[in-house]
Amino acid sequence: MEKKYQRGLVLSGGGARGIAHIGALKALQEEGFSFDIVAGTSAGSIVGAMWAAGLEPDEMMEIVRKTRVLKVLLPAFSRNGLIHLEHLRNILRKHIPYERIEDLPRPLVITAVNLELGRPEFFRTGPLADCVVASSSVPLIVKPAKIGGNLYADGGLMKNLPVTAIRESCEHITASDVLPRGRATAKSLRSGIKLSLRVVQLCIQCNTSEDVELTDMYIPHHNLGSISFADFGKREELFRLGYESAKKIISQFRTPPSSGTG
C-alpha cells in the first residue's frame, strides 16, 4: 500500500547539541534531500518546529545566535523543577507565526512524555509553543509542562529518536541523532546540572536502539565528542560539525530518494 509521505525526517533530543541538526539539515538540502514531514523530540522538536514553519537553516542559526541562553533558562523556584522555559515559548511565538501544530505549512510531530500515564505521546495537533516546551522539559531540571490538564516532560525519557511516530506513514526516513554516547569524565560531572543531564542521557540511550533500526539513513553525530547538552557557547562549532557529519553519511548515498511534495 502506498504510504502518505515519501520522505520523513526525525530529529533527536540533545540540548545544545541539537544545534547540529541545523547543520545537518543544511547539508541535506544542499545534496538535494527534501522532506515531507518531520518528527522531533526536545531540541529536535525546536528545530523541527522551525523547519515546519518554513525557516531555512541559515535563518534558524540567526535565531540561535541572537538567543541569550541565560534568559531562556529563567529560575522557577518550583518544587517540580529548577527552571522553566517561558522565554523559549516567547521565542517560538516571535519567530513562528502559527499558534497550532496543524496550522504549520509542513507536517510536524512533537514527542513528549505524559508523566501521569507514564507513556510517550505524539502531538500532531495542539498548541505549538506549549507542545515544544513540554517536549523540552528535562525532569529534575525543568518544570513539567501542563497541556490539557496533564503534566508532560522531555520526550527523550522514553522516545528520544521518534522514528516510530512516522515510520508507518513514510517510505523513507532520515534520522539525525545528536545523543552523546560512551564515557563521561569526572571533570564533566562536577556541576549538579551536568550530573543530572548525564543520568538522563544514560536512561535515554536505552530507548533509541529500536528506532535506529527503523531508519533508512541514520546520521549519528559522533564528531560532537564531549560537547555537553548545556554547552550553548559552542553553537558555531556544533553547526559546523553537524554539517560535516551529515555530508559524510550522505556521501554513502549516491542518489537522494525522490520526493512527493518537496
C-alpha atoms as a PDB file:
ATOM      1  CA  MET A   1       0.000   0.000   0.000  1.00  0.00           C
ATOM      2  CA  GLU A   2       1.307   3.473  -0.898  1.00  0.00           C
ATOM      3  CA  LYS A   3       2.315   5.491   2.133  1.00  0.00           C
ATOM      4  CA  LYS A   4       1.142   9.036   2.812  1.00  0.00           C
ATOM      5  CA  TYR A   5       4.631  10.605   2.760  1.00  0.00           C
ATOM      6  CA  GLN A   6       7.632   9.886   0.593  1.00  0.00           C
ATOM      7  CA  ARG A   7      10.312  11.168   2.946  1.00  0.00           C
ATOM      8  CA  GLY A   8      10.360  11.830   6.661  1.00  0.00           C
ATOM      9  CA  LEU A   9      12.963  13.466   8.884  1.00  0.00           C
ATOM     10  CA  VAL A  10      13.475  12.563  12.540  1.00  0.00           C
ATOM     11  CA  LEU A  11      15.449  14.783  14.936  1.00  0.00           C
ATOM     12  CA  SER A  12      16.588  13.557  18.336  1.00  0.00           C
ATOM     13  CA  GLY A  13      16.778  15.404  21.615  1.00  0.00           C
ATOM     14  CA  GLY A  14      20.142  16.562  22.907  1.00  0.00           C
ATOM     15  CA  GLY A  15      20.087  20.059  24.423  1.00  0.00           C
ATOM     16  CA  ALA A  16      22.679  22.387  22.905  1.00  0.00           C
ATOM     17  CA  ARG A  17      23.890  19.520  20.735  1.00  0.00           C
ATOM     18  CA  GLY A  18      20.600  19.869  18.846  1.00  0.00           C
ATOM     19  CA  ILE A  19      22.171  22.825  17.020  1.00  0.00           C
ATOM     20  CA  ALA A  20      23.998  20.165  14.993  1.00  0.00           C
ATOM     21  CA  HIS A  21      20.594  19.261  13.492  1.00  0.00           C
ATOM     22  CA  ILE A  22      20.573  22.647  11.779  1.00  0.00           C
ATOM     23  CA  GLY A  23      23.959  21.964  10.168  1.00  0.00           C
ATOM     24  CA  ALA A  24      22.776  18.504   9.117  1.00  0.00           C
ATOM     25  CA  LEU A  25      19.613  19.958   7.589  1.00  0.00           C
ATOM     26  CA  LYS A  26      21.672  22.464   5.597  1.00  0.00           C
ATOM     27  CA  ALA A  27      23.877  19.650   4.265  1.00  0.00           C
ATOM     28  CA  LEU A  28      20.858  17.519   3.359  1.00  0.00           C
ATOM     29  CA  GLN A  29      19.250  20.356   1.446  1.00  0.00           C
ATOM     30  CA  GLU A  30      22.472  21.097  -0.437  1.00  0.00           C
ATOM     31  CA  GLU A  31      22.617  17.471  -1.540  1.00  0.00           C
ATOM     32  CA  GLY A  32      19.083  17.504  -2.899  1.00  0.00           C
ATOM     33  CA  PHE A  33      17.218  15.960   0.027  1.00  0.00           C
ATOM     34  CA  SER A  34      13.884  17.463   0.974  1.00  0.00           C
ATOM     35  CA  PHE A  35      11.269  16.170   3.383  1.00  0.00           C
ATOM     36  CA  ASP A  36       7.507  15.878   3.595  1.00  0.00           C
ATOM     37  CA  ILE A  37       7.174  15.558   7.402  1.00  0.00           C
ATOM     38  CA  VAL A  38       9.376  15.917  10.477  1.00  0.00           C
ATOM     39  CA  ALA A  39       9.195  14.327  13.929  1.00  0.00           C
ATOM     40  CA  GLY A  40      11.270  15.628  16.807  1.00  0.00           C
ATOM     41  CA  THR A  41      11.958  15.330  20.488  1.00  0.00           C
ATOM     42  CA  SER A  42      13.160  18.121  22.793  1.00  0.00           C
ATOM     43  CA  ALA A  43      15.856  20.089  20.908  1.00  0.00           C
ATOM     44  CA  GLY A  44      14.753  18.174  17.815  1.00  0.00           C
ATOM     45  CA  SER A  45      11.213  19.458  18.292  1.00  0.00           C
ATOM     46  CA  ILE A  46      12.515  23.050  18.348  1.00  0.00           C
ATOM     47  CA  VAL A  47      14.437  22.630  15.093  1.00  0.00           C
ATOM     48  CA  GLY A  48      11.545  20.629  13.670  1.00  0.00           C
ATOM     49  CA  ALA A  49       9.073  23.388  14.506  1.00  0.00           C
ATOM     50  CA  MET A  50      11.239  25.960  12.728  1.00  0.00           C
ATOM     51  CA  TRP A  51      11.533  23.694   9.672  1.00  0.00           C
ATOM     52  CA  ALA A  52       7.787  23.053   9.637  1.00  0.00           C
ATOM     53  CA  ALA A  53       7.206  26.814   9.757  1.00  0.00           C
ATOM     54  CA  GLY A  54       9.272  27.215   6.591  1.00  0.00           C
ATOM     55  CA  LEU A  55      12.506  28.611   8.063  1.00  0.00           C
ATOM     56  CA  GLU A  56      15.774  27.819   6.285  1.00  0.00           C
ATOM     57  CA  PRO A  57      18.849  26.528   8.218  1.00  0.00           C
ATOM     58  CA  ASP A  58      20.643  29.879   7.959  1.00  0.00           C
ATOM     59  CA  GLU A  59      17.584  31.630   9.375  1.00  0.00           C
ATOM     60  CA  MET A  60      17.464  29.116  12.218  1.00  0.00           C
ATOM     61  CA  MET A  61      21.091  29.829  13.065  1.00  0.00           C
ATOM     62  CA  GLU A  62      20.429  33.565  13.180  1.00  0.00           C
ATOM     63  CA  ILE A  63      17.771  32.903  15.818  1.00  0.00           C
ATOM     64  CA  VAL A  64      20.213  30.717  17.772  1.00  0.00           C
ATOM     65  CA  ARG A  65      22.931  33.393  17.622  1.00  0.00           C
ATOM     66  CA  LYS A  66      20.595  36.090  18.927  1.00  0.00           C
ATOM     67  CA  THR A  67      19.176  33.992  21.757  1.00  0.00           C
ATOM     68  CA  ARG A  68      20.527  34.641  25.243  1.00  0.00           C
ATOM     69  CA  VAL A  69      20.608  31.222  26.885  1.00  0.00           C
ATOM     70  CA  LEU A  70      20.562  32.555  30.440  1.00  0.00           C
ATOM     71  CA  LYS A  71      17.342  34.400  29.636  1.00  0.00           C
ATOM     72  CA  VAL A  72      15.780  31.199  28.294  1.00  0.00           C
ATOM     73  CA  LEU A  73      16.625  29.310  31.481  1.00  0.00           C
ATOM     74  CA  LEU A  74      14.743  31.511  33.931  1.00  0.00           C
ATOM     75  CA  PRO A  75      14.613  30.452  37.625  1.00  0.00           C
ATOM     76  CA  ALA A  76      11.322  28.813  38.517  1.00  0.00           C
ATOM     77  CA  PHE A  77      11.911  28.079  42.212  1.00  0.00           C
ATOM     78  CA  SER A  78       9.335  25.312  41.967  1.00  0.00           C
ATOM     79  CA  ARG A  79       9.128  22.048  43.849  1.00  0.00           C
ATOM     80  CA  ASN A  80       8.817  20.378  40.437  1.00  0.00           C
ATOM     81  CA  GLY A  81      11.993  21.754  38.885  1.00  0.00           C
ATOM     82  CA  LEU A  82      14.750  24.326  38.913  1.00  0.00           C
ATOM     83  CA  ILE A  83      13.973  26.351  35.789  1.00  0.00           C
ATOM     84  CA  HIS A  84      11.133  26.988  33.399  1.00  0.00           C
ATOM     85  CA  LEU A  85      11.091  27.649  29.673  1.00  0.00           C
ATOM     86  CA  GLU A  86       8.755  30.617  29.364  1.00  0.00           C
ATOM     87  CA  HIS A  87      11.266  32.552  27.260  1.00  0.00           C
ATOM     88  CA  LEU A  88      11.549  29.592  24.864  1.00  0.00           C
ATOM     89  CA  ARG A  89       7.797  29.802  24.428  1.00  0.00           C
ATOM     90  CA  ASN A  90       8.120  33.533  23.686  1.00  0.00           C
ATOM     91  CA  ILE A  91      10.923  32.945  21.157  1.00  0.00           C
ATOM     92  CA  LEU A  92       8.818  30.392  19.301  1.00  0.00           C
ATOM     93  CA  ARG A  93       5.855  32.746  19.189  1.00  0.00           C
ATOM     94  CA  LYS A  94       8.064  35.582  17.944  1.00  0.00           C
ATOM     95  CA  HIS A  95       9.648  33.672  15.063  1.00  0.00           C
ATOM     96  CA  ILE A  96       6.882  31.220  14.149  1.00  0.00           C
ATOM     97  CA  PRO A  97       3.590  32.869  13.159  1.00  0.00           C
ATOM     98  CA  TYR A  98       1.486  29.780  13.791  1.00  0.00           C
ATOM     99  CA  GLU A  99      -0.387  29.073  17.013  1.00  0.00           C
ATOM    100  CA  ARG A 100      -1.130  25.394  16.450  1.00  0.00           C
ATOM    101  CA  ILE A 101       0.772  22.430  15.035  1.00  0.00           C
ATOM    102  CA  GLU A 102      -1.926  21.726  12.462  1.00  0.00           C
ATOM    103  CA  ASP A 103      -1.625  25.298  11.139  1.00  0.00           C
ATOM    104  CA  LEU A 104       2.005  24.842  10.068  1.00  0.00           C
ATOM    105  CA  PRO A 105       2.690  24.686   6.314  1.00  0.00           C
ATOM    106  CA  ARG A 106       4.595  21.417   6.789  1.00  0.00           C
ATOM    107  CA  PRO A 107       3.537  18.421   8.934  1.00  0.00           C
ATOM    108  CA  LEU A 108       5.188  18.187  12.371  1.00  0.00           C
ATOM    109  CA  VAL A 109       5.033  15.545  15.124  1.00  0.00           C
ATOM    110  CA  ILE A 110       6.240  16.502  18.616  1.00  0.00           C
ATOM    111  CA  THR A 111       7.098  13.876  21.220  1.00  0.00           C
ATOM    112  CA  ALA A 112       6.585  14.376  24.958  1.00  0.00           C
ATOM    113  CA  VAL A 113       6.129  12.011  27.887  1.00  0.00           C
ATOM    114  CA  ASN A 114       2.840  12.041  29.786  1.00  0.00           C
ATOM    115  CA  LEU A 115       4.104  11.827  33.374  1.00  0.00           C
ATOM    116  CA  GLU A 116       0.767  10.749  34.794  1.00  0.00           C
ATOM    117  CA  LEU A 117       0.149   7.922  32.326  1.00  0.00           C
ATOM    118  CA  GLY A 118       3.849   7.034  32.021  1.00  0.00           C
ATOM    119  CA  ARG A 119       3.964   6.886  28.227  1.00  0.00           C
ATOM    120  CA  PRO A 120       5.233   8.892  25.244  1.00  0.00           C
ATOM    121  CA  GLU A 121       2.657  10.821  23.248  1.00  0.00           C
ATOM    122  CA  PHE A 122       2.957  12.150  19.713  1.00  0.00           C
ATOM    123  CA  PHE A 123       1.377  15.566  19.170  1.00  0.00           C
ATOM    124  CA  ARG A 124       0.201  16.100  15.600  1.00  0.00           C
ATOM    125  CA  THR A 125      -2.248  18.807  16.638  1.00  0.00           C
ATOM    126  CA  GLY A 126      -2.395  21.201  19.550  1.00  0.00           C
ATOM    127  CA  PRO A 127      -0.762  24.424  20.791  1.00  0.00           C
ATOM    128  CA  LEU A 128       2.643  24.559  19.096  1.00  0.00           C
ATOM    129  CA  ALA A 129       4.686  26.501  21.666  1.00  0.00           C
ATOM    130  CA  ASP A 130       3.228  24.560  24.604  1.00  0.00           C
ATOM    131  CA  CYS A 131       3.970  21.195  22.975  1.00  0.00           C
ATOM    132  CA  VAL A 132       7.577  22.160  22.142  1.00  0.00           C
ATOM    133  CA  VAL A 133       8.130  23.368  25.716  1.00  0.00           C
ATOM    134  CA  ALA A 134       6.656  20.126  27.052  1.00  0.00           C
ATOM    135  CA  SER A 135       8.947  18.079  24.813  1.00  0.00           C
ATOM    136  CA  SER A 136      11.948  20.076  26.094  1.00  0.00           C
ATOM    137  CA  SER A 137      11.203  19.908  29.834  1.00  0.00           C
ATOM    138  CA  VAL A 138      14.060  17.805  31.202  1.00  0.00           C
ATOM    139  CA  PRO A 139      12.977  16.220  34.539  1.00  0.00           C
ATOM    140  CA  LEU A 140      14.691  17.418  37.741  1.00  0.00           C
ATOM    141  CA  ILE A 141      15.996  20.440  35.816  1.00  0.00           C
ATOM    142  CA  VAL A 142      12.961  21.949  34.086  1.00  0.00           C
ATOM    143  CA  LYS A 143       9.487  22.379  35.494  1.00  0.00           C
ATOM    144  CA  PRO A 144       6.998  19.923  33.873  1.00  0.00           C
ATOM    145  CA  ALA A 145       4.638  21.472  31.317  1.00  0.00           C
ATOM    146  CA  LYS A 146       0.863  21.255  31.519  1.00  0.00           C
ATOM    147  CA  ILE A 147      -1.250  20.520  28.441  1.00  0.00           C
ATOM    148  CA  GLY A 148      -4.923  19.673  28.614  1.00  0.00           C
ATOM    149  CA  GLY A 149      -4.756  19.021  32.351  1.00  0.00           C
ATOM    150  CA  ASN A 150      -1.839  16.554  32.092  1.00  0.00           C
ATOM    151  CA  LEU A 151       1.787  17.036  33.085  1.00  0.00           C
ATOM    152  CA  TYR A 152       4.418  16.408  30.401  1.00  0.00           C
ATOM    153  CA  ALA A 153       8.191  16.085  30.395  1.00  0.00           C
ATOM    154  CA  ASP A 154      11.003  15.707  27.885  1.00  0.00           C
ATOM    155  CA  GLY A 155      10.116  13.168  25.200  1.00  0.00           C
ATOM    156  CA  GLY A 156      13.650  11.810  25.360  1.00  0.00           C
ATOM    157  CA  LEU A 157      12.823   9.964  28.557  1.00  0.00           C
ATOM    158  CA  MET A 158      11.021   7.308  26.543  1.00  0.00           C
ATOM    159  CA  LYS A 159      11.377   8.189  22.844  1.00  0.00           C
ATOM    160  CA  ASN A 160      14.432  10.322  22.093  1.00  0.00           C
ATOM    161  CA  LEU A 161      14.542   9.369  18.402  1.00  0.00           C
ATOM    162  CA  PRO A 162      10.832   9.161  17.478  1.00  0.00           C
ATOM    163  CA  VAL A 163      11.074   7.180  14.246  1.00  0.00           C
ATOM    164  CA  THR A 164       8.094   5.049  15.236  1.00  0.00           C
ATOM    165  CA  ALA A 165       5.940   8.198  15.260  1.00  0.00           C
ATOM    166  CA  ILE A 166       6.070   8.402  11.444  1.00  0.00           C
ATOM    167  CA  ARG A 167       7.519   5.067  10.248  1.00  0.00           C
ATOM    168  CA  GLU A 168       4.227   3.615   9.053  1.00  0.00           C
ATOM    169  CA  SER A 169       3.376   6.702   7.000  1.00  0.00           C
ATOM    170  CA  CYS A 170       6.789   7.245   5.324  1.00  0.00           C
ATOM    171  CA  GLU A 171       8.533   5.401   2.501  1.00  0.00           C
ATOM    172  CA  HIS A 172      11.982   6.656   3.529  1.00  0.00           C
ATOM    173  CA  ILE A 173      13.200   8.040   6.848  1.00  0.00           C
ATOM    174  CA  THR A 174      16.360  10.012   7.587  1.00  0.00           C
ATOM    175  CA  ALA A 175      17.252  10.427  11.253  1.00  0.00           C
ATOM    176  CA  SER A 176      19.730  12.839  12.832  1.00  0.00           C
ATOM    177  CA  ASP A 177      20.850  11.683  16.287  1.00  0.00           C
ATOM    178  CA  VAL A 178      22.920  14.015  18.486  1.00  0.00           C
ATOM    179  CA  LEU A 179      22.799  11.945  21.681  1.00  0.00           C
ATOM    180  CA  PRO A 180      26.318  11.562  23.120  1.00  0.00           C
ATOM    181  CA  ARG A 181      27.468   8.025  23.749  1.00  0.00           C
ATOM    182  CA  GLY A 182      30.376   6.493  25.588  1.00  0.00           C
ATOM    183  CA  ARG A 183      32.147   7.522  28.781  1.00  0.00           C
ATOM    184  CA  ALA A 184      31.987  10.801  30.666  1.00  0.00           C
ATOM    185  CA  THR A 185      34.877  12.308  32.615  1.00  0.00           C
ATOM    186  CA  ALA A 186      34.867  13.173  36.308  1.00  0.00           C
ATOM    187  CA  LYS A 187      35.521  16.799  35.339  1.00  0.00           C
ATOM    188  CA  SER A 188      32.425  16.884  33.132  1.00  0.00           C
ATOM    189  CA  LEU A 189      30.219  15.753  36.043  1.00  0.00           C
ATOM    190  CA  ARG A 190      31.202  18.355  38.623  1.00  0.00           C
ATOM    191  CA  SER A 191      28.101  20.532  38.440  1.00  0.00           C
ATOM    192  CA  GLY A 192      24.686  19.400  39.590  1.00  0.00           C
ATOM    193  CA  ILE A 193      23.064  20.189  36.240  1.00  0.00           C
ATOM    194  CA  LYS A 194      25.701  18.289  34.255  1.00  0.00           C
ATOM    195  CA  LEU A 195      25.415  15.307  36.586  1.00  0.00           C
ATOM    196  CA  SER A 196      21.634  15.290  36.198  1.00  0.00           C
ATOM    197  CA  LEU A 197      21.975  15.527  32.424  1.00  0.00           C
ATOM    198  CA  ARG A 198      24.368  12.569  32.429  1.00  0.00           C
ATOM    199  CA  VAL A 199      21.833  10.471  34.358  1.00  0.00           C
ATOM    200  CA  VAL A 200      19.114  11.413  31.869  1.00  0.00           C
ATOM    201  CA  GLN A 201      21.476  10.645  28.976  1.00  0.00           C
ATOM    202  CA  LEU A 202      22.134   7.114  30.239  1.00  0.00           C
ATOM    203  CA  CYS A 203      18.409   6.474  30.541  1.00  0.00           C
ATOM    204  CA  ILE A 204      17.822   7.818  27.038  1.00  0.00           C
ATOM    205  CA  GLN A 205      20.445   5.539  25.478  1.00  0.00           C
ATOM    206  CA  CYS A 206      18.229   2.583  26.311  1.00  0.00           C
ATOM    207  CA  ASN A 207      15.245   3.811  24.284  1.00  0.00           C
ATOM    208  CA  THR A 208      16.788   4.582  20.897  1.00  0.00           C
ATOM    209  CA  SER A 209      18.068   1.247  19.574  1.00  0.00           C
ATOM    210  CA  GLU A 210      14.714   0.127  18.139  1.00  0.00           C
ATOM    211  CA  ASP A 211      14.228   3.420  16.326  1.00  0.00           C
ATOM    212  CA  VAL A 212      17.741   3.407  14.877  1.00  0.00           C
ATOM    213  CA  GLU A 213      16.985   0.047  13.259  1.00  0.00           C
ATOM    214  CA  LEU A 214      13.876   1.506  11.605  1.00  0.00           C
ATOM    215  CA  THR A 215      15.720   4.298   9.760  1.00  0.00           C
ATOM    216  CA  ASP A 216      16.774   4.238   6.107  1.00  0.00           C
ATOM    217  CA  MET A 217      19.552   6.787   6.562  1.00  0.00           C
ATOM    218  CA  TYR A 218      20.920   7.253  10.065  1.00  0.00           C
ATOM    219  CA  ILE A 219      23.175  10.221  10.880  1.00  0.00           C
ATOM    220  CA  PRO A 220      24.945   9.742  14.228  1.00  0.00           C
ATOM    221  CA  HIS A 221      26.967  12.808  15.180  1.00  0.00           C
ATOM    222  CA  HIS A 222      29.975  11.074  16.701  1.00  0.00           C
ATOM    223  CA  ASN A 223      32.177  14.055  15.856  1.00  0.00           C
ATOM    224  CA  LEU A 224      30.489  16.160  18.539  1.00  0.00           C
ATOM    225  CA  GLY A 225      32.733  14.374  21.030  1.00  0.00           C
ATOM    226  CA  SER A 226      32.351  15.535  24.614  1.00  0.00           C
ATOM    227  CA  ILE A 227      30.391  18.722  23.884  1.00  0.00           C
ATOM    228  CA  SER A 228      27.747  18.731  26.595  1.00  0.00           C
ATOM    229  CA  PHE A 229      23.975  19.187  26.486  1.00  0.00           C
ATOM    230  CA  ALA A 230      24.446  22.595  28.138  1.00  0.00           C
ATOM    231  CA  ASP A 231      27.334  23.981  26.056  1.00  0.00           C
ATOM    232  CA  PHE A 232      25.451  26.601  24.025  1.00  0.00           C
ATOM    233  CA  GLY A 233      28.645  28.636  23.763  1.00  0.00           C
ATOM    234  CA  LYS A 234      29.831  26.236  21.062  1.00  0.00           C
ATOM    235  CA  ARG A 235      26.883  26.962  18.764  1.00  0.00           C
ATOM    236  CA  GLU A 236      29.050  27.696  15.711  1.00  0.00           C
ATOM    237  CA  GLU A 237      31.134  24.563  16.200  1.00  0.00           C
ATOM    238  CA  LEU A 238      28.012  22.456  16.686  1.00  0.00           C
ATOM    239  CA  PHE A 239      26.522  23.801  13.457  1.00  0.00           C
ATOM    240  CA  ARG A 240      29.742  23.073  11.537  1.00  0.00           C
ATOM    241  CA  LEU A 241      30.163  19.578  12.983  1.00  0.00           C
ATOM    242  CA  GLY A 242      26.528  18.725  12.263  1.00  0.00           C
ATOM    243  CA  TYR A 243      27.017  19.820   8.676  1.00  0.00           C
ATOM    244  CA  GLU A 244      30.209  17.767   8.314  1.00  0.00           C
ATOM    245  CA  SER A 245      28.826  14.572   9.830  1.00  0.00           C
ATOM    246  CA  ALA A 246      25.752  14.730   7.603  1.00  0.00           C
ATOM    247  CA  LYS A 247      27.899  15.278   4.499  1.00  0.00           C
ATOM    248  CA  LYS A 248      29.925  12.199   5.403  1.00  0.00           C
ATOM    249  CA  ILE A 249      26.855   9.979   5.698  1.00  0.00           C
ATOM    250  CA  ILE A 250      25.206  11.443   2.611  1.00  0.00           C
ATOM    251  CA  SER A 251      28.260  10.519   0.543  1.00  0.00           C
ATOM    252  CA  GLN A 252      27.319   6.876   1.073  1.00  0.00           C
ATOM    253  CA  PHE A 253      24.009   7.501  -0.712  1.00  0.00           C
ATOM    254  CA  ARG A 254      24.742   8.366  -4.306  1.00  0.00           C
ATOM    255  CA  THR A 255      21.206   9.412  -5.263  1.00  0.00           C
ATOM    256  CA  PRO A 256      18.727  11.033  -2.866  1.00  0.00           C
ATOM    257  CA  PRO A 257      15.292   9.409  -2.950  1.00  0.00           C
ATOM    258  CA  SER A 258      12.610  11.290  -4.897  1.00  0.00           C
ATOM    259  CA  SER A 259      10.131  13.398  -3.003  1.00  0.00           C
ATOM    260  CA  GLY A 260       6.394  13.540  -3.236  1.00  0.00           C
ATOM    261  CA  THR A 261       5.942  17.166  -2.186  1.00  0.00           C
ATOM    262  CA  GLY A 262       9.410  18.624  -1.705  1.00  0.00           C
END
